Each structure stands twice: as structure tokens, then as C-alpha cells.
Amino acid sequence: MKKSNQFASPFSAWSGHRLFHVVAGTLIGAMVVTQASAMLPTPEQAVDSSMAVQANTNASSNSSAQAVNSKITASLVSVDANGQEVLVPVDTNTRLQSGNVLEYQGYFTNTNADRVRKMTVTMSIPDQVELLGTVAPEFPYGSVDGNNFARMPLRTKVDNQLQDVALKYYKAVRWDLEGVGLNDTVAVKYRARVK
């Protein structure tokens, strides 16, 4: 009996899913919160979408809808003939195997009427991969449950000793990005290894 390889045809079970599902957060006093949920395998190289964001400039004003445009990509990290690292966009023909390294990149453009003082961007980490140490910009927040975040590296007590939480337990990464001007685009990224 031939054993099936779940990575040989990575897109059969995911046809109809998008690379990332972006959910809007809130814009409170010129603050934007966005979330992107990564899925693997990825049937599309990139997803462009507009997401609604609630705006509230002060406590007495009415809310109005604003927008943040997003583009999320996934690339396979490989090495060319010269030994240089290259990023190959993941598409329906990409064959993923255990041990492959992927780079997820998120681009978020402020299309609000004004500058955003602080944009908070959260990207989830799919169950099929584990986070590697390459995360940019530096000094993000991490989460092992996708809800509670603390500055990375996460730490926990084991036998009364403080230890770093292994990256394989991380479920999401969050960044606070300062001063995003009108039509400015901010980029975030992380790398993960296929389990």
C-alpha cells in the first residue's frame, strides 16, 4: 500500500481558501488594529483586499468607516546556484515538504484621511508551521494562544526557573507601528518552517 504524502499535493484540500483572511480591528483616536490569519498551504501568491476599520476621533463624535489596504504574500526560501538566498512566491504549483522555510510578508497601506499615530498589526502562525527567529521589524509581541500578547521572547517559569518559550509554541506575532502617513505602506514579516 502506497503511503500518501500530505505535502505532495498541498493545495487539493485548500482549494477555495485564500492566502490570508484579514479581519478589521478598530481605529480609536487615530489608532488602527489589523489582523491577518495565515493559512497553509497557500493557493494564491498574494491577496489584495480592503478592510473596514472603525474610526472614533473623540468620545463625542460618531464613528465613520475608514480603510486599510493590505497585501499578504508567502514565499519559499531557497538558495540559487550561486549560494544566494532567494524568495520564490508560493503558488498552486509549489510543492511543500517538511523542513521547507516560508517567509510571510504583510503590507498595510494607510488609506485613512489622516496620518495614523499607531498601527497595530497581528499575523497568525498556521498550525502546519513553526516560527523561526527571523521576525521584522524587531521587538514584536508574541502569543502562544493568539489572544494574550507580551514582548518577545516570551518567558515562563519551569521548576521555579525563568525560561524562554520555544518558538514552536507561538501562535501569533504582533507589531505596534508608529506614525503611518496617508498612503504610506508598512511591511512586517516572519519566517516559519513547515512541520
C-alpha atoms as a PDB file:
ATOM      1  CA  MET A   1       0.000   0.000   0.000  1.00  0.00           C
ATOM      2  CA  LYS A   2       1.410   3.374  -1.002  1.00  0.00           C
ATOM      3  CA  LYS A   3       1.664   5.922   1.784  1.00  0.00           C
ATOM      4  CA  SER A   4       0.311   9.347   0.814  1.00  0.00           C
ATOM      5  CA  ASN A   5       2.444  12.433   1.366  1.00  0.00           C
ATOM      6  CA  GLN A   6       0.381  15.359   2.642  1.00  0.00           C
ATOM      7  CA  PHE A   7       2.881  17.808   1.104  1.00  0.00           C
ATOM      8  CA  ALA A   8       2.977  16.219  -2.398  1.00  0.00           C
ATOM      9  CA  SER A   9      -0.274  17.906  -3.424  1.00  0.00           C
ATOM     10  CA  PRO A  10      -0.596  20.694  -0.877  1.00  0.00           C
ATOM     11  CA  PHE A  11      -3.462  22.588  -2.485  1.00  0.00           C
ATOM     12  CA  SER A  12      -6.077  19.889  -3.036  1.00  0.00           C
ATOM     13  CA  ALA A  13      -7.600  20.231   0.432  1.00  0.00           C
ATOM     14  CA  TRP A  14      -7.433  24.027   0.385  1.00  0.00           C
ATOM     15  CA  SER A  15      -8.936  24.964  -2.967  1.00  0.00           C
ATOM     16  CA  GLY A  16     -11.313  27.825  -2.345  1.00  0.00           C
ATOM     17  CA  HIS A  17      -9.348  29.212   0.617  1.00  0.00           C
ATOM     18  CA  ARG A  18      -7.405  32.458   0.357  1.00  0.00           C
ATOM     19  CA  LEU A  19      -3.805  33.020   1.407  1.00  0.00           C
ATOM     20  CA  PHE A  20      -4.790  35.107   4.353  1.00  0.00           C
ATOM     21  CA  HIS A  21      -8.077  36.218   5.832  1.00  0.00           C
ATOM     22  CA  VAL A  22      -7.839  39.777   7.035  1.00  0.00           C
ATOM     23  CA  VAL A  23     -10.105  40.944   9.821  1.00  0.00           C
ATOM     24  CA  ALA A  24     -10.514  44.567  10.784  1.00  0.00           C
ATOM     25  CA  GLY A  25      -9.921  45.819  14.267  1.00  0.00           C
ATOM     26  CA  THR A  26     -10.652  49.321  15.480  1.00  0.00           C
ATOM     27  CA  LEU A  27      -9.346  52.817  14.862  1.00  0.00           C
ATOM     28  CA  ILE A  28      -9.588  54.637  18.173  1.00  0.00           C
ATOM     29  CA  GLY A  29      -8.178  58.143  18.384  1.00  0.00           C
ATOM     30  CA  ALA A  30      -6.006  57.597  15.288  1.00  0.00           C
ATOM     31  CA  MET A  31      -5.000  54.024  16.123  1.00  0.00           C
ATOM     32  CA  VAL A  32      -5.523  51.152  13.680  1.00  0.00           C
ATOM     33  CA  VAL A  33      -5.635  47.486  14.656  1.00  0.00           C
ATOM     34  CA  THR A  34      -5.478  44.869  11.918  1.00  0.00           C
ATOM     35  CA  GLN A  35      -5.241  41.104  11.947  1.00  0.00           C
ATOM     36  CA  ALA A  36      -4.123  38.663   9.278  1.00  0.00           C
ATOM     37  CA  SER A  37      -4.630  34.937   9.675  1.00  0.00           C
ATOM     38  CA  ALA A  38      -2.154  32.814   7.766  1.00  0.00           C
ATOM     39  CA  MET A  39      -3.196  29.553   6.197  1.00  0.00           C
ATOM     40  CA  LEU A  40      -1.009  26.792   4.809  1.00  0.00           C
ATOM     41  CA  PRO A  41      -0.828  25.540   2.171  1.00  0.00           C
ATOM     42  CA  THR A  42      -1.443  28.690   0.187  1.00  0.00           C
ATOM     43  CA  PRO A  43      -3.323  28.527  -3.098  1.00  0.00           C
ATOM     44  CA  GLU A  44      -2.691  32.159  -4.043  1.00  0.00           C
ATOM     45  CA  GLN A  45       0.567  34.051  -4.223  1.00  0.00           C
ATOM     46  CA  ALA A  46      -0.892  37.287  -2.863  1.00  0.00           C
ATOM     47  CA  VAL A  47      -4.205  38.638  -1.702  1.00  0.00           C
ATOM     48  CA  ASP A  48      -5.161  42.279  -2.111  1.00  0.00           C
ATOM     49  CA  SER A  49      -8.109  43.400  -0.084  1.00  0.00           C
ATOM     50  CA  SER A  50      -9.650  46.407   1.576  1.00  0.00           C
ATOM     51  CA  MET A  51     -10.827  46.062   5.124  1.00  0.00           C
ATOM     52  CA  ALA A  52     -13.182  48.227   7.042  1.00  0.00           C
ATOM     53  CA  VAL A  53     -11.821  49.963  10.096  1.00  0.00           C
ATOM     54  CA  GLN A  54     -13.879  51.840  12.676  1.00  0.00           C
ATOM     55  CA  ALA A  55     -12.818  55.421  13.358  1.00  0.00           C
ATOM     56  CA  ASN A  56     -13.515  57.363  16.513  1.00  0.00           C
ATOM     57  CA  THR A  57     -11.633  60.640  16.836  1.00  0.00           C
ATOM     58  CA  ASN A  58     -13.083  61.548  20.217  1.00  0.00           C
ATOM     59  CA  ALA A  59     -15.642  60.233  22.652  1.00  0.00           C
ATOM     60  CA  SER A  60     -18.449  62.541  21.480  1.00  0.00           C
ATOM     61  CA  SER A  61     -18.109  62.034  17.706  1.00  0.00           C
ATOM     62  CA  ASN A  62     -19.902  59.471  15.582  1.00  0.00           C
ATOM     63  CA  SER A  63     -17.912  56.580  14.122  1.00  0.00           C
ATOM     64  CA  SER A  64     -17.169  56.516  10.431  1.00  0.00           C
ATOM     65  CA  ALA A  65     -15.744  53.746   8.265  1.00  0.00           C
ATOM     66  CA  GLN A  66     -12.109  54.049   7.152  1.00  0.00           C
ATOM     67  CA  ALA A  67      -9.945  51.642   5.184  1.00  0.00           C
ATOM     68  CA  VAL A  68      -6.556  49.985   5.299  1.00  0.00           C
ATOM     69  CA  ASN A  69      -5.437  48.186   2.143  1.00  0.00           C
ATOM     70  CA  SER A  70      -3.476  45.022   2.705  1.00  0.00           C
ATOM     71  CA  LYS A  71      -1.383  42.655   0.632  1.00  0.00           C
ATOM     72  CA  ILE A  72      -0.137  39.412   2.148  1.00  0.00           C
ATOM     73  CA  THR A  73       2.389  37.102   0.450  1.00  0.00           C
ATOM     74  CA  ALA A  74       4.084  33.805   1.207  1.00  0.00           C
ATOM     75  CA  SER A  75       7.409  32.799  -0.339  1.00  0.00           C
ATOM     76  CA  LEU A  76       9.519  29.667  -0.205  1.00  0.00           C
ATOM     77  CA  VAL A  77      13.053  30.491   0.963  1.00  0.00           C
ATOM     78  CA  SER A  78      15.607  28.693  -1.224  1.00  0.00           C
ATOM     79  CA  VAL A  79      19.199  29.050  -2.429  1.00  0.00           C
ATOM     80  CA  ASP A  80      20.227  29.726  -6.041  1.00  0.00           C
ATOM     81  CA  ALA A  81      23.203  28.245  -7.928  1.00  0.00           C
ATOM     82  CA  ASN A  82      25.500  30.967  -6.522  1.00  0.00           C
ATOM     83  CA  GLY A  83      24.543  30.146  -2.945  1.00  0.00           C
ATOM     84  CA  GLN A  84      22.457  33.310  -2.593  1.00  0.00           C
ATOM     85  CA  GLU A  85      19.144  33.195  -0.743  1.00  0.00           C
ATOM     86  CA  VAL A  86      16.087  33.772  -2.966  1.00  0.00           C
ATOM     87  CA  LEU A  87      12.383  34.060  -2.220  1.00  0.00           C
ATOM     88  CA  VAL A  88      10.164  32.054  -4.581  1.00  0.00           C
ATOM     89  CA  PRO A  89       6.471  33.058  -4.394  1.00  0.00           C
ATOM     90  CA  VAL A  90       4.214  30.205  -3.258  1.00  0.00           C
ATOM     91  CA  ASP A  91       1.573  29.317  -5.844  1.00  0.00           C
ATOM     92  CA  THR A  92      -0.556  26.319  -6.804  1.00  0.00           C
ATOM     93  CA  ASN A  93       2.475  24.556  -8.340  1.00  0.00           C
ATOM     94  CA  THR A  94       4.649  24.864  -5.222  1.00  0.00           C
ATOM     95  CA  ARG A  95       5.464  21.529  -3.600  1.00  0.00           C
ATOM     96  CA  LEU A  96       5.987  21.944   0.130  1.00  0.00           C
ATOM     97  CA  GLN A  97       7.874  19.416   2.231  1.00  0.00           C
ATOM     98  CA  SER A  98       8.621  19.087   5.898  1.00  0.00           C
ATOM     99  CA  GLY A  99      11.566  21.341   6.704  1.00  0.00           C
ATOM    100  CA  ASN A 100      10.845  23.952   3.998  1.00  0.00           C
ATOM    101  CA  VAL A 101      11.204  27.541   5.225  1.00  0.00           C
ATOM    102  CA  LEU A 102       8.500  30.054   4.281  1.00  0.00           C
ATOM    103  CA  GLU A 103       8.578  33.829   4.604  1.00  0.00           C
ATOM    104  CA  TYR A 104       5.219  35.513   5.223  1.00  0.00           C
ATOM    105  CA  GLN A 105       5.109  39.244   4.389  1.00  0.00           C
ATOM    106  CA  GLY A 106       2.305  41.666   5.152  1.00  0.00           C
ATOM    107  CA  TYR A 107       1.985  45.117   3.556  1.00  0.00           C
ATOM    108  CA  PHE A 108      -0.559  47.507   5.097  1.00  0.00           C
ATOM    109  CA  THR A 109      -1.340  50.873   3.459  1.00  0.00           C
ATOM    110  CA  ASN A 110      -2.998  53.704   5.386  1.00  0.00           C
ATOM    111  CA  THR A 111      -5.853  54.986   3.192  1.00  0.00           C
ATOM    112  CA  ASN A 112      -7.482  56.951   6.004  1.00  0.00           C
ATOM    113  CA  ALA A 113      -7.918  60.712   5.599  1.00  0.00           C
ATOM    114  CA  ASP A 114      -5.185  61.428   8.174  1.00  0.00           C
ATOM    115  CA  ARG A 115      -1.887  60.121   9.479  1.00  0.00           C
ATOM    116  CA  VAL A 116      -2.215  57.154  11.859  1.00  0.00           C
ATOM    117  CA  ARG A 117      -0.197  57.616  15.039  1.00  0.00           C
ATOM    118  CA  LYS A 118      -0.065  53.925  15.840  1.00  0.00           C
ATOM    119  CA  MET A 119      -0.984  50.927  13.676  1.00  0.00           C
ATOM    120  CA  THR A 120      -1.133  47.550  15.410  1.00  0.00           C
ATOM    121  CA  VAL A 121      -0.711  44.604  13.042  1.00  0.00           C
ATOM    122  CA  THR A 122      -1.213  40.976  14.112  1.00  0.00           C
ATOM    123  CA  MET A 123      -0.345  37.969  11.946  1.00  0.00           C
ATOM    124  CA  SER A 124      -1.269  34.437  12.969  1.00  0.00           C
ATOM    125  CA  ILE A 125       1.048  31.455  12.567  1.00  0.00           C
ATOM    126  CA  PRO A 126      -0.558  28.397  10.886  1.00  0.00           C
ATOM    127  CA  ASP A 127      -0.648  25.103  12.796  1.00  0.00           C
ATOM    128  CA  GLN A 128       1.325  23.415   9.996  1.00  0.00           C
ATOM    129  CA  VAL A 129       4.441  25.558  10.579  1.00  0.00           C
ATOM    130  CA  GLU A 130       6.590  26.702  13.487  1.00  0.00           C
ATOM    131  CA  LEU A 131       8.023  30.183  13.910  1.00  0.00           C
ATOM    132  CA  LEU A 132      11.735  30.755  13.295  1.00  0.00           C
ATOM    133  CA  GLY A 133      13.791  33.577  14.804  1.00  0.00           C
ATOM    134  CA  THR A 134      13.533  35.846  11.734  1.00  0.00           C
ATOM    135  CA  VAL A 135      10.872  38.474  12.555  1.00  0.00           C
ATOM    136  CA  ALA A 136      10.825  42.078  11.296  1.00  0.00           C
ATOM    137  CA  PRO A 137      10.528  44.785  12.415  1.00  0.00           C
ATOM    138  CA  GLU A 138      12.371  43.867  15.583  1.00  0.00           C
ATOM    139  CA  PHE A 139      10.863  43.807  19.071  1.00  0.00           C
ATOM    140  CA  PRO A 140       7.411  42.396  18.281  1.00  0.00           C
ATOM    141  CA  TYR A 141       4.908  40.893  20.684  1.00  0.00           C
ATOM    142  CA  GLY A 142       4.231  37.152  20.655  1.00  0.00           C
ATOM    143  CA  SER A 143       1.375  34.933  21.753  1.00  0.00           C
ATOM    144  CA  VAL A 144       1.016  31.227  22.486  1.00  0.00           C
ATOM    145  CA  ASP A 145      -2.794  31.366  22.385  1.00  0.00           C
ATOM    146  CA  GLY A 146      -3.478  34.087  19.789  1.00  0.00           C
ATOM    147  CA  ASN A 147      -5.195  36.303  22.385  1.00  0.00           C
ATOM    148  CA  ASN A 148      -2.683  37.352  25.050  1.00  0.00           C
ATOM    149  CA  PHE A 149       0.472  39.113  23.849  1.00  0.00           C
ATOM    150  CA  ALA A 150       3.775  40.011  25.533  1.00  0.00           C
ATOM    151  CA  ARG A 151       7.089  41.349  24.263  1.00  0.00           C
ATOM    152  CA  MET A 152       9.203  38.627  22.613  1.00  0.00           C
ATOM    153  CA  PRO A 153      10.881  36.454  23.648  1.00  0.00           C
ATOM    154  CA  LEU A 154       8.079  35.019  25.734  1.00  0.00           C
ATOM    155  CA  ARG A 155       9.198  33.622  29.069  1.00  0.00           C
ATOM    156  CA  THR A 156       7.688  31.162  31.526  1.00  0.00           C
ATOM    157  CA  LYS A 157       8.633  29.566  34.835  1.00  0.00           C
ATOM    158  CA  VAL A 158       9.622  25.894  34.783  1.00  0.00           C
ATOM    159  CA  ASP A 159      10.692  24.383  38.115  1.00  0.00           C
ATOM    160  CA  ASN A 160      10.963  27.903  39.577  1.00  0.00           C
ATOM    161  CA  GLN A 161      13.366  28.976  36.820  1.00  0.00           C
ATOM    162  CA  LEU A 162      12.504  31.551  34.161  1.00  0.00           C
ATOM    163  CA  GLN A 163      12.952  30.108  30.642  1.00  0.00           C
ATOM    164  CA  ASP A 164      12.212  31.250  27.088  1.00  0.00           C
ATOM    165  CA  VAL A 165       9.135  29.666  25.498  1.00  0.00           C
ATOM    166  CA  ALA A 166      10.155  27.589  22.455  1.00  0.00           C
ATOM    167  CA  LEU A 167       9.225  29.294  19.160  1.00  0.00           C
ATOM    168  CA  LYS A 168       7.261  26.212  18.063  1.00  0.00           C
ATOM    169  CA  TYR A 169       4.551  27.148  20.606  1.00  0.00           C
ATOM    170  CA  TYR A 170       3.932  30.659  19.201  1.00  0.00           C
ATOM    171  CA  LYS A 171       0.521  31.142  17.526  1.00  0.00           C
ATOM    172  CA  ALA A 172       0.710  34.843  16.506  1.00  0.00           C
ATOM    173  CA  VAL A 173       3.052  37.821  16.222  1.00  0.00           C
ATOM    174  CA  ARG A 174       2.032  41.473  16.724  1.00  0.00           C
ATOM    175  CA  TRP A 175       3.754  44.777  15.916  1.00  0.00           C
ATOM    176  CA  ASP A 176       2.972  48.356  17.007  1.00  0.00           C
ATOM    177  CA  LEU A 177       3.986  50.582  14.078  1.00  0.00           C
ATOM    178  CA  GLU A 178       4.297  54.298  14.752  1.00  0.00           C
ATOM    179  CA  GLY A 179       3.436  57.275  12.512  1.00  0.00           C
ATOM    180  CA  VAL A 180       1.936  55.820   9.331  1.00  0.00           C
ATOM    181  CA  GLY A 181       1.251  58.713   6.946  1.00  0.00           C
ATOM    182  CA  LEU A 182      -1.527  58.986   4.390  1.00  0.00           C
ATOM    183  CA  ASN A 183      -0.909  56.398   1.640  1.00  0.00           C
ATOM    184  CA  ASP A 184       2.218  55.149   3.446  1.00  0.00           C
ATOM    185  CA  THR A 185       2.756  51.395   3.461  1.00  0.00           C
ATOM    186  CA  VAL A 186       4.270  49.484   6.380  1.00  0.00           C
ATOM    187  CA  ALA A 187       5.718  45.998   6.000  1.00  0.00           C
ATOM    188  CA  VAL A 188       6.033  43.168   8.502  1.00  0.00           C
ATOM    189  CA  LYS A 189       7.379  39.656   8.044  1.00  0.00           C
ATOM    190  CA  TYR A 190       8.229  36.428   9.769  1.00  0.00           C
ATOM    191  CA  ARG A 191       9.724  33.102   8.752  1.00  0.00           C
ATOM    192  CA  ALA A 192       8.387  29.684   9.653  1.00  0.00           C
ATOM    193  CA  ARG A 193       9.405  26.082   8.999  1.00  0.00           C
ATOM    194  CA  VAL A 194       6.944  23.508   7.657  1.00  0.00           C
ATOM    195  CA  LYS A 195       6.427  20.746  10.259  1.00  0.00           C
END
